[in-house]
Amino acid sequence: MIALTPKPPYYAVIFTSLRTEGDHGYGDMAGKMVALAAAQPGFLGVESAREDLGITVSYWDSLESISRWKQHADHTLARDRGREIWYQSFKVRICKVERDYGFESAD
């Protein structure tokens, strides 16, 4: 599902990852993190896709909201488990969205 974001400017956190083999509780934790992020002040939406490469983009109203999310105790725990168990590698990129536009079929 494409996130319904407000008029720019806002921020995007792009999390790109390569997973290790097996689930090892990853699916449950990923669902918990999306629900927890959605409950945080400043959260605007999320989009995620996974094949061999996983990409999750979360949208936020400010850099302060992103910083608070990064420091959230449960998020920190999940990040530590990711480094220990779930990820071969990952990269985080934080961007300011200056412009957005789209298309939606009339069908």
PDB file of N, CA and C in Angstrom:
ATOM      1  N   MET A   1       0.842  -1.177   0.000  1.00  0.00           N
ATOM      2  CA  MET A   1       0.000   0.000   0.000  1.00  0.00           C
ATOM      3  C   MET A   1       0.895   1.251   0.000  1.00  0.00           C
ATOM      4  N   ILE A   2       0.511   2.214  -0.771  1.00  0.00           N
ATOM      5  CA  ILE A   2       1.258   3.468  -0.841  1.00  0.00           C
ATOM      6  C   ILE A   2       0.793   4.373   0.303  1.00  0.00           C
ATOM      7  N   ALA A   3       1.748   4.883   1.070  1.00  0.00           N
ATOM      8  CA  ALA A   3       1.438   5.739   2.210  1.00  0.00           C
ATOM      9  C   ALA A   3       0.803   7.049   1.752  1.00  0.00           C
ATOM     10  N   LEU A   4      -0.170   7.499   2.494  1.00  0.00           N
ATOM     11  CA  LEU A   4      -0.813   8.788   2.232  1.00  0.00           C
ATOM     12  C   LEU A   4      -0.079   9.839   3.050  1.00  0.00           C
ATOM     13  N   THR A   5       0.806  10.548   2.420  1.00  0.00           N
ATOM     14  CA  THR A   5       1.628  11.542   3.100  1.00  0.00           C
ATOM     15  C   THR A   5       1.064  12.943   2.881  1.00  0.00           C
ATOM     16  N   PRO A   6       1.388  13.873   3.770  1.00  0.00           N
ATOM     17  CA  PRO A   6       0.898  15.244   3.616  1.00  0.00           C
ATOM     18  C   PRO A   6       1.686  15.992   2.544  1.00  0.00           C
ATOM     19  N   LYS A   7       1.287  17.208   2.330  1.00  0.00           N
ATOM     20  CA  LYS A   7       2.017  18.081   1.418  1.00  0.00           C
ATOM     21  C   LYS A   7       3.433  18.289   1.975  1.00  0.00           C
ATOM     22  N   PRO A   8       4.469  18.189   1.113  1.00  0.00           N
ATOM     23  CA  PRO A   8       5.850  18.413   1.576  1.00  0.00           C
ATOM     24  C   PRO A   8       6.031  19.838   2.089  1.00  0.00           C
ATOM     25  N   PRO A   9       7.042  20.037   2.898  1.00  0.00           N
ATOM     26  CA  PRO A   9       8.137  19.123   3.192  1.00  0.00           C
ATOM     27  C   PRO A   9       7.824  18.191   4.363  1.00  0.00           C
ATOM     28  N   TYR A  10       8.418  17.011   4.317  1.00  0.00           N
ATOM     29  CA  TYR A  10       8.431  16.040   5.399  1.00  0.00           C
ATOM     30  C   TYR A  10       9.675  15.193   5.186  1.00  0.00           C
ATOM     31  N   TYR A  11       9.877  14.190   6.009  1.00  0.00           N
ATOM     32  CA  TYR A  11      11.119  13.409   5.950  1.00  0.00           C
ATOM     33  C   TYR A  11      10.841  11.938   5.681  1.00  0.00           C
ATOM     34  N   ALA A  12      11.781  11.306   4.995  1.00  0.00           N
ATOM     35  CA  ALA A  12      11.715   9.873   4.720  1.00  0.00           C
ATOM     36  C   ALA A  12      12.955   9.204   5.304  1.00  0.00           C
ATOM     37  N   VAL A  13      12.732   8.098   5.995  1.00  0.00           N
ATOM     38  CA  VAL A  13      13.823   7.248   6.469  1.00  0.00           C
ATOM     39  C   VAL A  13      13.786   5.996   5.612  1.00  0.00           C
ATOM     40  N   ILE A  14      14.837   5.794   4.832  1.00  0.00           N
ATOM     41  CA  ILE A  14      14.920   4.650   3.921  1.00  0.00           C
ATOM     42  C   ILE A  14      15.827   3.612   4.560  1.00  0.00           C
ATOM     43  N   PHE A  15      15.256   2.451   4.877  1.00  0.00           N
ATOM     44  CA  PHE A  15      15.992   1.354   5.498  1.00  0.00           C
ATOM     45  C   PHE A  15      16.105   0.237   4.475  1.00  0.00           C
ATOM     46  N   THR A  16      17.312  -0.021   4.012  1.00  0.00           N
ATOM     47  CA  THR A  16      17.577  -1.057   3.008  1.00  0.00           C
ATOM     48  C   THR A  16      18.376  -2.162   3.679  1.00  0.00           C
ATOM     49  N   SER A  17      17.976  -3.427   3.457  1.00  0.00           N
ATOM     50  CA  SER A  17      18.622  -4.514   4.182  1.00  0.00           C
ATOM     51  C   SER A  17      18.762  -5.788   3.366  1.00  0.00           C
ATOM     52  N   LEU A  18      19.762  -6.560   3.743  1.00  0.00           N
ATOM     53  CA  LEU A  18      19.938  -7.933   3.283  1.00  0.00           C
ATOM     54  C   LEU A  18      19.798  -8.815   4.514  1.00  0.00           C
ATOM     55  N   ARG A  19      18.896  -9.799   4.457  1.00  0.00           N
ATOM     56  CA  ARG A  19      18.586 -10.660   5.589  1.00  0.00           C
ATOM     57  C   ARG A  19      19.500 -11.877   5.643  1.00  0.00           C
ATOM     58  N   THR A  20      19.564 -12.457   6.833  1.00  0.00           N
ATOM     59  CA  THR A  20      20.178 -13.762   7.022  1.00  0.00           C
ATOM     60  C   THR A  20      19.127 -14.822   6.689  1.00  0.00           C
ATOM     61  N   GLU A  21      19.511 -16.080   6.652  1.00  0.00           N
ATOM     62  CA  GLU A  21      18.569 -17.170   6.385  1.00  0.00           C
ATOM     63  C   GLU A  21      17.657 -17.394   7.591  1.00  0.00           C
ATOM     64  N   GLY A  22      16.419 -17.758   7.326  1.00  0.00           N
ATOM     65  CA  GLY A  22      15.474 -18.097   8.381  1.00  0.00           C
ATOM     66  C   GLY A  22      14.804 -16.882   8.982  1.00  0.00           C
ATOM     67  N   ASP A  23      13.664 -17.135   9.637  1.00  0.00           N
ATOM     68  CA  ASP A  23      12.887 -16.036  10.220  1.00  0.00           C
ATOM     69  C   ASP A  23      13.400 -15.644  11.599  1.00  0.00           C
ATOM     70  N   HIS A  24      13.583 -16.594  12.482  1.00  0.00           N
ATOM     71  CA  HIS A  24      14.105 -16.348  13.836  1.00  0.00           C
ATOM     72  C   HIS A  24      13.350 -15.247  14.578  1.00  0.00           C
ATOM     73  N   GLY A  25      12.035 -15.158  14.351  1.00  0.00           N
ATOM     74  CA  GLY A  25      11.221 -14.151  15.015  1.00  0.00           C
ATOM     75  C   GLY A  25      11.165 -12.806  14.316  1.00  0.00           C
ATOM     76  N   TYR A  26      11.780 -12.713  13.144  1.00  0.00           N
ATOM     77  CA  TYR A  26      11.836 -11.444  12.414  1.00  0.00           C
ATOM     78  C   TYR A  26      10.443 -10.927  12.041  1.00  0.00           C
ATOM     79  N   GLY A  27       9.606 -11.792  11.502  1.00  0.00           N
ATOM     80  CA  GLY A  27       8.283 -11.380  11.044  1.00  0.00           C
ATOM     81  C   GLY A  27       7.456 -10.766  12.162  1.00  0.00           C
ATOM     82  N   ASP A  28       7.461 -11.415  13.317  1.00  0.00           N
ATOM     83  CA  ASP A  28       6.722 -10.886  14.465  1.00  0.00           C
ATOM     84  C   ASP A  28       7.273  -9.522  14.889  1.00  0.00           C
ATOM     85  N   MET A  29       8.595  -9.423  14.976  1.00  0.00           N
ATOM     86  CA  MET A  29       9.197  -8.163  15.419  1.00  0.00           C
ATOM     87  C   MET A  29       8.950  -7.053  14.393  1.00  0.00           C
ATOM     88  N   ALA A  30       9.019  -7.368  13.116  1.00  0.00           N
ATOM     89  CA  ALA A  30       8.770  -6.352  12.090  1.00  0.00           C
ATOM     90  C   ALA A  30       7.358  -5.794  12.227  1.00  0.00           C
ATOM     91  N   GLY A  31       6.380  -6.672  12.444  1.00  0.00           N
ATOM     92  CA  GLY A  31       5.009  -6.219  12.641  1.00  0.00           C
ATOM     93  C   GLY A  31       4.858  -5.350  13.875  1.00  0.00           C
ATOM     94  N   LYS A  32       5.527  -5.734  14.963  1.00  0.00           N
ATOM     95  CA  LYS A  32       5.485  -4.944  16.190  1.00  0.00           C
ATOM     96  C   LYS A  32       6.112  -3.574  15.986  1.00  0.00           C
ATOM     97  N   MET A  33       7.214  -3.515  15.229  1.00  0.00           N
ATOM     98  CA  MET A  33       7.890  -2.235  15.020  1.00  0.00           C
ATOM     99  C   MET A  33       7.045  -1.292  14.169  1.00  0.00           C
ATOM    100  N   VAL A  34       6.350  -1.820  13.167  1.00  0.00           N
ATOM    101  CA  VAL A  34       5.474  -0.962  12.350  1.00  0.00           C
ATOM    102  C   VAL A  34       4.354  -0.401  13.214  1.00  0.00           C
ATOM    103  N   ALA A  35       3.736  -1.254  14.038  1.00  0.00           N
ATOM    104  CA  ALA A  35       2.658  -0.788  14.912  1.00  0.00           C
ATOM    105  C   ALA A  35       3.175   0.231  15.929  1.00  0.00           C
ATOM    106  N   LEU A  36       4.348  -0.019  16.483  1.00  0.00           N
ATOM    107  CA  LEU A  36       4.923   0.906  17.465  1.00  0.00           C
ATOM    108  C   LEU A  36       5.292   2.236  16.811  1.00  0.00           C
ATOM    109  N   ALA A  37       5.898   2.183  15.630  1.00  0.00           N
ATOM    110  CA  ALA A  37       6.250   3.417  14.918  1.00  0.00           C
ATOM    111  C   ALA A  37       4.992   4.233  14.621  1.00  0.00           C
ATOM    112  N   ALA A  38       3.928   3.545  14.198  1.00  0.00           N
ATOM    113  CA  ALA A  38       2.683   4.232  13.853  1.00  0.00           C
ATOM    114  C   ALA A  38       2.078   4.971  15.048  1.00  0.00           C
ATOM    115  N   ALA A  39       2.409   4.533  16.252  1.00  0.00           N
ATOM    116  CA  ALA A  39       1.888   5.169  17.466  1.00  0.00           C
ATOM    117  C   ALA A  39       2.752   6.338  17.942  1.00  0.00           C
ATOM    118  N   GLN A  40       3.874   6.590  17.268  1.00  0.00           N
ATOM    119  CA  GLN A  40       4.798   7.643  17.694  1.00  0.00           C
ATOM    120  C   GLN A  40       4.378   9.004  17.146  1.00  0.00           C
ATOM    121  N   PRO A  41       4.566  10.060  17.953  1.00  0.00           N
ATOM    122  CA  PRO A  41       4.298  11.412  17.451  1.00  0.00           C
ATOM    123  C   PRO A  41       5.161  11.706  16.221  1.00  0.00           C
ATOM    124  N   GLY A  42       4.536  12.264  15.205  1.00  0.00           N
ATOM    125  CA  GLY A  42       5.274  12.645  14.002  1.00  0.00           C
ATOM    126  C   GLY A  42       5.306  11.598  12.908  1.00  0.00           C
ATOM    127  N   PHE A  43       4.834  10.379  13.191  1.00  0.00           N
ATOM    128  CA  PHE A  43       4.813   9.322  12.171  1.00  0.00           C
ATOM    129  C   PHE A  43       3.746   9.650  11.140  1.00  0.00           C
ATOM    130  N   LEU A  44       4.099   9.502   9.851  1.00  0.00           N
ATOM    131  CA  LEU A  44       3.169   9.833   8.766  1.00  0.00           C
ATOM    132  C   LEU A  44       2.755   8.626   7.937  1.00  0.00           C
ATOM    133  N   GLY A  45       3.565   7.566   7.908  1.00  0.00           N
ATOM    134  CA  GLY A  45       3.224   6.391   7.113  1.00  0.00           C
ATOM    135  C   GLY A  45       4.452   5.544   6.853  1.00  0.00           C
ATOM    136  N   VAL A  46       4.219   4.388   6.210  1.00  0.00           N
ATOM    137  CA  VAL A  46       5.309   3.461   5.916  1.00  0.00           C
ATOM    138  C   VAL A  46       4.975   2.668   4.654  1.00  0.00           C
ATOM    139  N   GLU A  47       6.013   2.325   3.920  1.00  0.00           N
ATOM    140  CA  GLU A  47       5.917   1.449   2.749  1.00  0.00           C
ATOM    141  C   GLU A  47       7.060   0.451   2.840  1.00  0.00           C
ATOM    142  N   SER A  48       6.788  -0.806   2.447  1.00  0.00           N
ATOM    143  CA  SER A  48       7.825  -1.820   2.583  1.00  0.00           C
ATOM    144  C   SER A  48       7.703  -2.851   1.471  1.00  0.00           C
ATOM    145  N   ALA A  49       8.853  -3.346   1.017  1.00  0.00           N
ATOM    146  CA  ALA A  49       8.899  -4.409   0.010  1.00  0.00           C
ATOM    147  C   ALA A  49      10.111  -5.285   0.299  1.00  0.00           C
ATOM    148  N   ARG A  50       9.961  -6.580   0.053  1.00  0.00           N
ATOM    149  CA  ARG A  50      11.088  -7.485   0.281  1.00  0.00           C
ATOM    150  C   ARG A  50      11.072  -8.561  -0.789  1.00  0.00           C
ATOM    151  N   GLU A  51      12.180  -8.683  -1.448  1.00  0.00           N
ATOM    152  CA  GLU A  51      12.523  -9.838  -2.280  1.00  0.00           C
ATOM    153  C   GLU A  51      13.848 -10.295  -1.722  1.00  0.00           C
ATOM    154  N   ASP A  52      14.910 -10.227  -2.513  1.00  0.00           N
ATOM    155  CA  ASP A  52      16.243 -10.488  -1.960  1.00  0.00           C
ATOM    156  C   ASP A  52      16.704  -9.295  -1.135  1.00  0.00           C
ATOM    157  N   LEU A  53      16.390  -8.113  -1.630  1.00  0.00           N
ATOM    158  CA  LEU A  53      16.724  -6.857  -0.953  1.00  0.00           C
ATOM    159  C   LEU A  53      15.455  -6.312  -0.320  1.00  0.00           C
ATOM    160  N   GLY A  54      15.517  -5.958   0.961  1.00  0.00           N
ATOM    161  CA  GLY A  54      14.364  -5.373   1.628  1.00  0.00           C
ATOM    162  C   GLY A  54      14.499  -3.864   1.678  1.00  0.00           C
ATOM    163  N   ILE A  55      13.406  -3.174   1.409  1.00  0.00           N
ATOM    164  CA  ILE A  55      13.389  -1.721   1.496  1.00  0.00           C
ATOM    165  C   ILE A  55      12.139  -1.307   2.259  1.00  0.00           C
ATOM    166  N   THR A  56      12.344  -0.564   3.341  1.00  0.00           N
ATOM    167  CA  THR A  56      11.241   0.008   4.104  1.00  0.00           C
ATOM    168  C   THR A  56      11.475   1.505   4.175  1.00  0.00           C
ATOM    169  N   VAL A  57      10.447   2.263   3.814  1.00  0.00           N
ATOM    170  CA  VAL A  57      10.523   3.714   3.886  1.00  0.00           C
ATOM    171  C   VAL A  57       9.460   4.168   4.881  1.00  0.00           C
ATOM    172  N   SER A  58       9.905   4.844   5.935  1.00  0.00           N
ATOM    173  CA  SER A  58       8.956   5.439   6.871  1.00  0.00           C
ATOM    174  C   SER A  58       9.010   6.950   6.700  1.00  0.00           C
ATOM    175  N   TYR A  59       7.852   7.584   6.907  1.00  0.00           N
ATOM    176  CA  TYR A  59       7.726   9.018   6.689  1.00  0.00           C
ATOM    177  C   TYR A  59       7.420   9.700   8.018  1.00  0.00           C
ATOM    178  N   TRP A  60       8.063  10.854   8.233  1.00  0.00           N
ATOM    179  CA  TRP A  60       7.997  11.557   9.506  1.00  0.00           C
ATOM    180  C   TRP A  60       7.856  13.059   9.274  1.00  0.00           C
ATOM    181  N   ASP A  61       7.286  13.733  10.258  1.00  0.00           N
ATOM    182  CA  ASP A  61       7.070  15.179  10.108  1.00  0.00           C
ATOM    183  C   ASP A  61       8.297  16.018  10.419  1.00  0.00           C
ATOM    184  N   SER A  62       9.300  15.437  11.116  1.00  0.00           N
ATOM    185  CA  SER A  62      10.464  16.237  11.494  1.00  0.00           C
ATOM    186  C   SER A  62      11.657  15.344  11.811  1.00  0.00           C
ATOM    187  N   LEU A  63      12.830  15.950  11.816  1.00  0.00           N
ATOM    188  CA  LEU A  63      14.038  15.230  12.226  1.00  0.00           C
ATOM    189  C   LEU A  63      13.966  14.864  13.715  1.00  0.00           C
ATOM    190  N   GLU A  64      13.298  15.688  14.506  1.00  0.00           N
ATOM    191  CA  GLU A  64      13.146  15.396  15.933  1.00  0.00           C
ATOM    192  C   GLU A  64      12.325  14.136  16.144  1.00  0.00           C
ATOM    193  N   SER A  65      11.260  13.957  15.364  1.00  0.00           N
ATOM    194  CA  SER A  65      10.441  12.745  15.459  1.00  0.00           C
ATOM    195  C   SER A  65      11.258  11.511  15.095  1.00  0.00           C
ATOM    196  N   ILE A  66      12.083  11.632  14.071  1.00  0.00           N
ATOM    197  CA  ILE A  66      12.955  10.522  13.666  1.00  0.00           C
ATOM    198  C   ILE A  66      13.934  10.191  14.787  1.00  0.00           C
ATOM    199  N   SER A  67      14.508  11.190  15.398  1.00  0.00           N
ATOM    200  CA  SER A  67      15.461  10.984  16.482  1.00  0.00           C
ATOM    201  C   SER A  67      14.800  10.301  17.678  1.00  0.00           C
ATOM    202  N   ARG A  68      13.586  10.734  18.029  1.00  0.00           N
ATOM    203  CA  ARG A  68      12.865  10.097  19.143  1.00  0.00           C
ATOM    204  C   ARG A  68      12.595   8.630  18.828  1.00  0.00           C
ATOM    205  N   TRP A  69      12.212   8.334  17.587  1.00  0.00           N
ATOM    206  CA  TRP A  69      11.962   6.947  17.186  1.00  0.00           C
ATOM    207  C   TRP A  69      13.247   6.122  17.282  1.00  0.00           C
ATOM    208  N   LYS A  70      14.348   6.676  16.830  1.00  0.00           N
ATOM    209  CA  LYS A  70      15.618   5.956  16.897  1.00  0.00           C
ATOM    210  C   LYS A  70      15.978   5.617  18.339  1.00  0.00           C
ATOM    211  N   GLN A  71      15.647   6.502  19.261  1.00  0.00           N
ATOM    212  CA  GLN A  71      16.015   6.315  20.664  1.00  0.00           C
ATOM    213  C   GLN A  71      14.990   5.520  21.468  1.00  0.00           C
ATOM    214  N   HIS A  72      13.845   5.182  20.882  1.00  0.00           N
ATOM    215  CA  HIS A  72      12.815   4.428  21.599  1.00  0.00           C
ATOM    216  C   HIS A  72      13.396   3.094  22.059  1.00  0.00           C
ATOM    217  N   ALA A  73      13.163   2.734  23.315  1.00  0.00           N
ATOM    218  CA  ALA A  73      13.786   1.541  23.915  1.00  0.00           C
ATOM    219  C   ALA A  73      13.466   0.262  23.144  1.00  0.00           C
ATOM    220  N   ASP A  74      12.211   0.066  22.746  1.00  0.00           N
ATOM    221  CA  ASP A  74      11.850  -1.156  22.010  1.00  0.00           C
ATOM    222  C   ASP A  74      12.473  -1.189  20.621  1.00  0.00           C
ATOM    223  N   HIS A  75      12.577  -0.016  19.994  1.00  0.00           N
ATOM    224  CA  HIS A  75      13.219   0.062  18.685  1.00  0.00           C
ATOM    225  C   HIS A  75      14.714  -0.242  18.805  1.00  0.00           C
ATOM    226  N   THR A  76      15.331   0.250  19.863  1.00  0.00           N
ATOM    227  CA  THR A  76      16.749  -0.033  20.108  1.00  0.00           C
ATOM    228  C   THR A  76      16.974  -1.527  20.295  1.00  0.00           C
ATOM    229  N   LEU A  77      16.097  -2.188  21.045  1.00  0.00           N
ATOM    230  CA  LEU A  77      16.193  -3.632  21.245  1.00  0.00           C
ATOM    231  C   LEU A  77      16.080  -4.373  19.910  1.00  0.00           C
ATOM    232  N   ALA A  78      15.107  -3.990  19.083  1.00  0.00           N
ATOM    233  CA  ALA A  78      14.933  -4.625  17.777  1.00  0.00           C
ATOM    234  C   ALA A  78      16.152  -4.386  16.887  1.00  0.00           C
ATOM    235  N   ARG A  79      16.696  -3.188  16.919  1.00  0.00           N
ATOM    236  CA  ARG A  79      17.886  -2.870  16.115  1.00  0.00           C
ATOM    237  C   ARG A  79      19.069  -3.743  16.548  1.00  0.00           C
ATOM    238  N   ASP A  80      19.244  -3.920  17.852  1.00  0.00           N
ATOM    239  CA  ASP A  80      20.326  -4.777  18.351  1.00  0.00           C
ATOM    240  C   ASP A  80      20.138  -6.225  17.914  1.00  0.00           C
ATOM    241  N   ARG A  81      18.908  -6.724  17.994  1.00  0.00           N
ATOM    242  CA  ARG A  81      18.635  -8.106  17.530  1.00  0.00           C
ATOM    243  C   ARG A  81      18.887  -8.226  16.036  1.00  0.00           C
ATOM    244  N   GLY A  82      18.553  -7.184  15.293  1.00  0.00           N
ATOM    245  CA  GLY A  82      18.811  -7.195  13.855  1.00  0.00           C
ATOM    246  C   GLY A  82      20.279  -7.371  13.550  1.00  0.00           C
ATOM    247  N   ARG A  83      21.107  -6.656  14.273  1.00  0.00           N
ATOM    248  CA  ARG A  83      22.560  -6.778  14.064  1.00  0.00           C
ATOM    249  C   ARG A  83      23.059  -8.161  14.454  1.00  0.00           C
ATOM    250  N   GLU A  84      22.486  -8.747  15.492  1.00  0.00           N
ATOM    251  CA  GLU A  84      22.937 -10.048  15.992  1.00  0.00           C
ATOM    252  C   GLU A  84      22.405 -11.223  15.170  1.00  0.00           C
ATOM    253  N   ILE A  85      21.145 -11.124  14.693  1.00  0.00           N
ATOM    254  CA  ILE A  85      20.461 -12.299  14.150  1.00  0.00           C
ATOM    255  C   ILE A  85      19.955 -12.129  12.719  1.00  0.00           C
ATOM    256  N   TRP A  86      19.254 -11.024  12.426  1.00  0.00           N
ATOM    257  CA  TRP A  86      18.430 -10.948  11.229  1.00  0.00           C
ATOM    258  C   TRP A  86      19.098 -10.394   9.985  1.00  0.00           C
ATOM    259  N   TYR A  87      20.113  -9.563  10.117  1.00  0.00           N
ATOM    260  CA  TYR A  87      20.653  -8.869   8.947  1.00  0.00           C
ATOM    261  C   TYR A  87      22.086  -9.253   8.650  1.00  0.00           C
ATOM    262  N   GLN A  88      22.349  -9.455   7.352  1.00  0.00           N
ATOM    263  CA  GLN A  88      23.737  -9.538   6.877  1.00  0.00           C
ATOM    264  C   GLN A  88      24.306  -8.124   6.829  1.00  0.00           C
ATOM    265  N   SER A  89      23.472  -7.200   6.361  1.00  0.00           N
ATOM    266  CA  SER A  89      23.870  -5.796   6.284  1.00  0.00           C
ATOM    267  C   SER A  89      22.617  -4.934   6.151  1.00  0.00           C
ATOM    268  N   PHE A  90      22.766  -3.670   6.519  1.00  0.00           N
ATOM    269  CA  PHE A  90      21.691  -2.710   6.288  1.00  0.00           C
ATOM    270  C   PHE A  90      22.273  -1.310   6.158  1.00  0.00           C
ATOM    271  N   LYS A  91      21.461  -0.437   5.606  1.00  0.00           N
ATOM    272  CA  LYS A  91      21.833   0.964   5.424  1.00  0.00           C
ATOM    273  C   LYS A  91      20.599   1.811   5.727  1.00  0.00           C
ATOM    274  N   VAL A  92      20.809   2.923   6.429  1.00  0.00           N
ATOM    275  CA  VAL A  92      19.734   3.865   6.720  1.00  0.00           C
ATOM    276  C   VAL A  92      20.070   5.192   6.055  1.00  0.00           C
ATOM    277  N   ARG A  93      19.097   5.737   5.369  1.00  0.00           N
ATOM    278  CA  ARG A  93      19.254   7.041   4.725  1.00  0.00           C
ATOM    279  C   ARG A  93      18.087   7.918   5.158  1.00  0.00           C
ATOM    280  N   ILE A  94      18.372   9.153   5.516  1.00  0.00           N
ATOM    281  CA  ILE A  94      17.328  10.087   5.942  1.00  0.00           C
ATOM    282  C   ILE A  94      17.314  11.242   4.954  1.00  0.00           C
ATOM    283  N   CYS A  95      16.148  11.497   4.399  1.00  0.00           N
ATOM    284  CA  CYS A  95      16.010  12.486   3.328  1.00  0.00           C
ATOM    285  C   CYS A  95      14.863  13.448   3.626  1.00  0.00           C
ATOM    286  N   LYS A  96      15.016  14.669   3.200  1.00  0.00           N
ATOM    287  CA  LYS A  96      13.912  15.627   3.257  1.00  0.00           C
ATOM    288  C   LYS A  96      13.165  15.549   1.932  1.00  0.00           C
ATOM    289  N   VAL A  97      11.870  15.314   2.006  1.00  0.00           N
ATOM    290  CA  VAL A  97      11.036  15.258   0.803  1.00  0.00           C
ATOM    291  C   VAL A  97      10.605  16.680   0.493  1.00  0.00           C
ATOM    292  N   GLU A  98      11.056  17.170  -0.631  1.00  0.00           N
ATOM    293  CA  GLU A  98      10.747  18.533  -1.062  1.00  0.00           C
ATOM    294  C   GLU A  98       9.530  18.585  -1.987  1.00  0.00           C
ATOM    295  N   ARG A  99       9.302  17.464  -2.675  1.00  0.00           N
ATOM    296  CA  ARG A  99       8.246  17.429  -3.684  1.00  0.00           C
ATOM    297  C   ARG A  99       7.761  16.005  -3.801  1.00  0.00           C
ATOM    298  N   ASP A 100       6.466  15.808  -3.986  1.00  0.00           N
ATOM    299  CA  ASP A 100       5.952  14.486  -4.335  1.00  0.00           C
ATOM    300  C   ASP A 100       4.772  14.640  -5.284  1.00  0.00           C
ATOM    301  N   TYR A 101       4.554  13.631  -6.077  1.00  0.00           N
ATOM    302  CA  TYR A 101       3.428  13.611  -7.003  1.00  0.00           C
ATOM    303  C   TYR A 101       3.142  12.160  -7.344  1.00  0.00           C
ATOM    304  N   GLY A 102       2.023  11.877  -7.946  1.00  0.00           N
ATOM    305  CA  GLY A 102       1.690  10.486  -8.234  1.00  0.00           C
ATOM    306  C   GLY A 102       0.630  10.361  -9.311  1.00  0.00           C
ATOM    307  N   PHE A 103       0.176   9.133  -9.458  1.00  0.00           N
ATOM    308  CA  PHE A 103      -0.835   8.767 -10.440  1.00  0.00           C
ATOM    309  C   PHE A 103      -1.728   7.715  -9.820  1.00  0.00           C
ATOM    310  N   GLU A 104      -2.991   7.783 -10.083  1.00  0.00           N
ATOM    311  CA  GLU A 104      -3.929   6.770  -9.650  1.00  0.00           C
ATOM    312  C   GLU A 104      -4.909   6.502 -10.775  1.00  0.00           C
ATOM    313  N   SER A 105      -5.004   5.255 -11.180  1.00  0.00           N
ATOM    314  CA  SER A 105      -5.888   4.855 -12.265  1.00  0.00           C
ATOM    315  C   SER A 105      -7.337   5.114 -11.877  1.00  0.00           C
ATOM    316  N   ALA A 106      -8.155   5.463 -12.852  1.00  0.00           N
ATOM    317  CA  ALA A 106      -9.567   5.711 -12.611  1.00  0.00           C
ATOM    318  C   ALA A 106     -10.341   4.412 -12.456  1.00  0.00           C
ATOM    319  N   ASP A 107      -9.740   3.281 -12.801  1.00  0.00           N
ATOM    320  CA  ASP A 107     -10.432   1.975 -12.703  1.00  0.00           C
ATOM    321  C   ASP A 107     -10.627   1.524 -11.302  1.00  0.00           C
TER     322      ASP A 107
END
